[in-house]
Amino acid sequence: MQIWVDGDACPAEIKELLFRAAIRVKMRLTVVANQSLRIPKSEFLSLLVVTSGANIADKQIVELLQPGDLVITADIPLAAHVVQKGGIALDPRGHRFTEENIGERITMRNLLDELRGSDLITGGPAPFGPKDKQAFANQLDRLLAKRL
């Protein structure tokens, strides 16, 4: 198992938690982003910088992903590709995307995009907070425990 992080939109505190976990369990973690980011020096951590453009980082993750790998992303279309390819997709708030729920999540995303485009609703998700970080940490611990 390897961990892939969709680095451009992942909250810094989640990346820090992931770095510590990957080092602790000696698991490869790669942050994929379209700009250089600071990551701790470790044989288990790496940064893959891709060119700027729509979904370039997402495409790179899907291309490199192996079945059973864990991908951290809030991007629902990317999560759908991960699940389809046999990977595990987890968002920074601790929600796991599965074959059972990904269709519903895509439908809801598309509906909300349409409503925002029509100015029927404004805004996005609630601000990231301590409960989200705890939910993510709990889900990550469960996933890593299963893999180890």
C-alpha atoms as a PDB file:
ATOM      1  CA  MET A   1       0.000   0.000   0.000  1.00  0.00           C
ATOM      2  CA  GLN A   2       1.148   3.499  -0.819  1.00  0.00           C
ATOM      3  CA  ILE A   3      -0.503   6.762   0.175  1.00  0.00           C
ATOM      4  CA  TRP A   4      -1.131   9.396  -2.505  1.00  0.00           C
ATOM      5  CA  VAL A   5      -2.141  12.913  -1.482  1.00  0.00           C
ATOM      6  CA  ASP A   6      -3.929  15.318  -3.814  1.00  0.00           C
ATOM      7  CA  GLY A   7      -1.735  18.055  -2.398  1.00  0.00           C
ATOM      8  CA  ASP A   8      -3.087  21.269  -3.873  1.00  0.00           C
ATOM      9  CA  ALA A   9      -6.271  21.389  -1.791  1.00  0.00           C
ATOM     10  CA  CYS A  10      -5.442  19.167   1.191  1.00  0.00           C
ATOM     11  CA  PRO A  11      -5.420  21.107   4.477  1.00  0.00           C
ATOM     12  CA  ALA A  12      -1.921  21.565   5.921  1.00  0.00           C
ATOM     13  CA  GLU A  13      -2.846  19.961   9.242  1.00  0.00           C
ATOM     14  CA  ILE A  14      -4.038  16.813   7.421  1.00  0.00           C
ATOM     15  CA  LYS A  15      -0.802  16.655   5.440  1.00  0.00           C
ATOM     16  CA  GLU A  16       1.178  16.950   8.697  1.00  0.00           C
ATOM     17  CA  LEU A  17      -0.867  14.159  10.259  1.00  0.00           C
ATOM     18  CA  LEU A  18      -0.273  12.002   7.150  1.00  0.00           C
ATOM     19  CA  PHE A  19       3.481  12.679   7.185  1.00  0.00           C
ATOM     20  CA  ARG A  20       3.739  11.548  10.803  1.00  0.00           C
ATOM     21  CA  ALA A  21       1.615   8.447  10.182  1.00  0.00           C
ATOM     22  CA  ALA A  22       3.553   7.383   7.067  1.00  0.00           C
ATOM     23  CA  ILE A  23       6.881   7.703   8.878  1.00  0.00           C
ATOM     24  CA  ARG A  24       5.522   5.889  11.955  1.00  0.00           C
ATOM     25  CA  VAL A  25       4.295   2.881   9.945  1.00  0.00           C
ATOM     26  CA  LYS A  26       7.120   3.076   7.358  1.00  0.00           C
ATOM     27  CA  MET A  27       4.787   3.510   4.399  1.00  0.00           C
ATOM     28  CA  ARG A  28       5.500   5.400   1.172  1.00  0.00           C
ATOM     29  CA  LEU A  29       3.577   8.648   0.822  1.00  0.00           C
ATOM     30  CA  THR A  30       3.656  10.873  -2.260  1.00  0.00           C
ATOM     31  CA  VAL A  31       2.153  14.339  -2.412  1.00  0.00           C
ATOM     32  CA  VAL A  32       1.127  15.221  -5.965  1.00  0.00           C
ATOM     33  CA  ALA A  33       0.746  18.944  -6.639  1.00  0.00           C
ATOM     34  CA  ASN A  34       1.144  21.517  -9.382  1.00  0.00           C
ATOM     35  CA  GLN A  35       3.488  23.617  -7.264  1.00  0.00           C
ATOM     36  CA  SER A  36       6.381  22.947  -4.954  1.00  0.00           C
ATOM     37  CA  LEU A  37       5.347  22.247  -1.359  1.00  0.00           C
ATOM     38  CA  ARG A  38       7.417  21.736   1.765  1.00  0.00           C
ATOM     39  CA  ILE A  39       7.505  18.199   3.067  1.00  0.00           C
ATOM     40  CA  PRO A  40       9.671  16.761   5.837  1.00  0.00           C
ATOM     41  CA  LYS A  41      12.821  14.919   4.845  1.00  0.00           C
ATOM     42  CA  SER A  42      12.206  11.191   5.060  1.00  0.00           C
ATOM     43  CA  GLU A  43      12.877   8.139   2.943  1.00  0.00           C
ATOM     44  CA  PHE A  44       9.110   7.480   3.069  1.00  0.00           C
ATOM     45  CA  LEU A  45       7.928  10.905   1.861  1.00  0.00           C
ATOM     46  CA  SER A  46       8.156  12.408  -1.615  1.00  0.00           C
ATOM     47  CA  LEU A  47       6.719  15.245  -3.661  1.00  0.00           C
ATOM     48  CA  LEU A  48       5.721  14.908  -7.299  1.00  0.00           C
ATOM     49  CA  VAL A  49       5.266  18.293  -8.971  1.00  0.00           C
ATOM     50  CA  VAL A  50       3.193  18.188 -12.163  1.00  0.00           C
ATOM     51  CA  THR A  51       2.545  20.897 -14.728  1.00  0.00           C
ATOM     52  CA  SER A  52      -0.287  23.333 -14.130  1.00  0.00           C
ATOM     53  CA  GLY A  53      -3.585  22.584 -15.781  1.00  0.00           C
ATOM     54  CA  ALA A  54      -7.003  21.192 -15.162  1.00  0.00           C
ATOM     55  CA  ASN A  55      -6.867  17.816 -13.417  1.00  0.00           C
ATOM     56  CA  ILE A  56      -3.195  17.128 -14.278  1.00  0.00           C
ATOM     57  CA  ALA A  57      -2.408  16.060 -10.691  1.00  0.00           C
ATOM     58  CA  ASP A  58      -5.550  13.918 -10.599  1.00  0.00           C
ATOM     59  CA  LYS A  59      -4.617  12.161 -13.839  1.00  0.00           C
ATOM     60  CA  GLN A  60      -1.104  11.504 -12.543  1.00  0.00           C
ATOM     61  CA  ILE A  61      -2.441   9.943  -9.348  1.00  0.00           C
ATOM     62  CA  VAL A  62      -4.817   7.675 -11.281  1.00  0.00           C
ATOM     63  CA  GLU A  63      -2.017   6.645 -13.643  1.00  0.00           C
ATOM     64  CA  LEU A  64       0.385   5.710 -10.819  1.00  0.00           C
ATOM     65  CA  LEU A  65      -2.202   4.230  -8.441  1.00  0.00           C
ATOM     66  CA  GLN A  66      -2.109   0.497  -7.726  1.00  0.00           C
ATOM     67  CA  PRO A  67      -5.078  -1.490  -6.355  1.00  0.00           C
ATOM     68  CA  GLY A  68      -5.134  -1.170  -2.565  1.00  0.00           C
ATOM     69  CA  ASP A  69      -3.360   2.210  -2.512  1.00  0.00           C
ATOM     70  CA  LEU A  70      -4.867   4.981  -0.404  1.00  0.00           C
ATOM     71  CA  VAL A  71      -5.647   8.352  -1.999  1.00  0.00           C
ATOM     72  CA  ILE A  72      -6.445  11.421   0.078  1.00  0.00           C
ATOM     73  CA  THR A  73      -8.650  13.801  -1.908  1.00  0.00           C
ATOM     74  CA  ALA A  74     -11.753  15.946  -1.634  1.00  0.00           C
ATOM     75  CA  ASP A  75     -12.159  15.751  -5.426  1.00  0.00           C
ATOM     76  CA  ILE A  76     -15.159  13.484  -6.022  1.00  0.00           C
ATOM     77  CA  PRO A  77     -14.417  12.677  -9.697  1.00  0.00           C
ATOM     78  CA  LEU A  78     -10.863  11.692  -8.710  1.00  0.00           C
ATOM     79  CA  ALA A  79     -12.272   9.564  -5.884  1.00  0.00           C
ATOM     80  CA  ALA A  80     -14.540   7.813  -8.405  1.00  0.00           C
ATOM     81  CA  HIS A  81     -11.518   6.919 -10.569  1.00  0.00           C
ATOM     82  CA  VAL A  82      -9.633   5.676  -7.506  1.00  0.00           C
ATOM     83  CA  VAL A  83     -12.498   3.429  -6.408  1.00  0.00           C
ATOM     84  CA  GLN A  84     -12.967   2.162  -9.967  1.00  0.00           C
ATOM     85  CA  LYS A  85      -9.274   1.232 -10.129  1.00  0.00           C
ATOM     86  CA  GLY A  86      -9.419  -0.670  -6.818  1.00  0.00           C
ATOM     87  CA  GLY A  87      -7.907   1.994  -4.596  1.00  0.00           C
ATOM     88  CA  ILE A  88      -9.172   3.455  -1.340  1.00  0.00           C
ATOM     89  CA  ALA A  89     -10.321   7.086  -1.448  1.00  0.00           C
ATOM     90  CA  LEU A  90     -10.604   9.149   1.721  1.00  0.00           C
ATOM     91  CA  ASP A  91     -11.408  12.839   1.949  1.00  0.00           C
ATOM     92  CA  PRO A  92      -9.710  15.188   4.436  1.00  0.00           C
ATOM     93  CA  ARG A  93     -12.846  15.209   6.591  1.00  0.00           C
ATOM     94  CA  GLY A  94     -12.712  11.442   7.109  1.00  0.00           C
ATOM     95  CA  HIS A  95     -15.391  10.377   4.613  1.00  0.00           C
ATOM     96  CA  ARG A  96     -14.487   7.217   2.739  1.00  0.00           C
ATOM     97  CA  PHE A  97     -15.630   6.901  -0.855  1.00  0.00           C
ATOM     98  CA  THR A  98     -16.801   3.395  -1.805  1.00  0.00           C
ATOM     99  CA  GLU A  99     -18.473   1.647  -4.717  1.00  0.00           C
ATOM    100  CA  GLU A 100     -21.709   1.882  -2.727  1.00  0.00           C
ATOM    101  CA  ASN A 101     -21.653   5.657  -2.162  1.00  0.00           C
ATOM    102  CA  ILE A 102     -19.622   7.192  -5.006  1.00  0.00           C
ATOM    103  CA  GLY A 103     -22.549   7.386  -7.447  1.00  0.00           C
ATOM    104  CA  GLU A 104     -24.640   9.290  -4.914  1.00  0.00           C
ATOM    105  CA  ARG A 105     -21.717  11.612  -4.097  1.00  0.00           C
ATOM    106  CA  ILE A 106     -21.200  12.448  -7.799  1.00  0.00           C
ATOM    107  CA  THR A 107     -24.915  13.096  -8.279  1.00  0.00           C
ATOM    108  CA  MET A 108     -24.987  15.415  -5.245  1.00  0.00           C
ATOM    109  CA  ARG A 109     -21.841  17.235  -6.417  1.00  0.00           C
ATOM    110  CA  ASN A 110     -23.346  17.809  -9.864  1.00  0.00           C
ATOM    111  CA  LEU A 111     -26.638  19.031  -8.383  1.00  0.00           C
ATOM    112  CA  LEU A 112     -24.860  21.492  -6.082  1.00  0.00           C
ATOM    113  CA  ASP A 113     -22.718  22.754  -8.979  1.00  0.00           C
ATOM    114  CA  GLU A 114     -25.875  23.333 -11.001  1.00  0.00           C
ATOM    115  CA  LEU A 115     -27.590  25.167  -8.134  1.00  0.00           C
ATOM    116  CA  ARG A 116     -24.503  27.355  -7.576  1.00  0.00           C
ATOM    117  CA  GLY A 117     -24.353  28.091 -11.315  1.00  0.00           C
ATOM    118  CA  SER A 118     -27.977  29.232 -11.183  1.00  0.00           C
ATOM    119  CA  ASP A 119     -27.274  31.367  -8.087  1.00  0.00           C
ATOM    120  CA  LEU A 120     -29.863  29.354  -6.159  1.00  0.00           C
ATOM    121  CA  ILE A 121     -27.302  28.599  -3.471  1.00  0.00           C
ATOM    122  CA  THR A 122     -24.015  30.223  -2.603  1.00  0.00           C
ATOM    123  CA  GLY A 123     -20.988  29.133  -0.670  1.00  0.00           C
ATOM    124  CA  GLY A 124     -19.388  25.782  -0.234  1.00  0.00           C
ATOM    125  CA  PRO A 125     -18.727  23.325   2.545  1.00  0.00           C
ATOM    126  CA  ALA A 126     -18.423  24.381   6.165  1.00  0.00           C
ATOM    127  CA  PRO A 127     -14.946  25.471   7.305  1.00  0.00           C
ATOM    128  CA  PHE A 128     -12.550  22.650   8.169  1.00  0.00           C
ATOM    129  CA  GLY A 129     -12.437  22.195  11.926  1.00  0.00           C
ATOM    130  CA  PRO A 130     -11.174  20.014  14.795  1.00  0.00           C
ATOM    131  CA  LYS A 131     -14.028  17.492  14.437  1.00  0.00           C
ATOM    132  CA  ASP A 132     -13.076  17.001  10.774  1.00  0.00           C
ATOM    133  CA  LYS A 133      -9.434  16.440  11.687  1.00  0.00           C
ATOM    134  CA  GLN A 134     -10.415  13.910  14.374  1.00  0.00           C
ATOM    135  CA  ALA A 135     -12.764  12.061  12.000  1.00  0.00           C
ATOM    136  CA  PHE A 136      -9.947  11.864   9.442  1.00  0.00           C
ATOM    137  CA  ALA A 137      -7.414  10.662  12.019  1.00  0.00           C
ATOM    138  CA  ASN A 138      -9.806   7.949  13.225  1.00  0.00           C
ATOM    139  CA  GLN A 139     -10.532   6.710   9.704  1.00  0.00           C
ATOM    140  CA  LEU A 140      -6.830   6.782   8.770  1.00  0.00           C
ATOM    141  CA  ASP A 141      -5.915   4.773  11.891  1.00  0.00           C
ATOM    142  CA  ARG A 142      -8.543   2.149  11.005  1.00  0.00           C
ATOM    143  CA  LEU A 143      -7.288   1.871   7.419  1.00  0.00           C
ATOM    144  CA  LEU A 144      -3.625   1.637   8.424  1.00  0.00           C
ATOM    145  CA  ALA A 145      -4.381  -0.932  11.121  1.00  0.00           C
ATOM    146  CA  LYS A 146      -6.139  -3.136   8.540  1.00  0.00           C
ATOM    147  CA  ARG A 147      -3.183  -2.860   6.145  1.00  0.00           C
ATOM    148  CA  LEU A 148      -0.590  -3.621   8.803  1.00  0.00           C
END
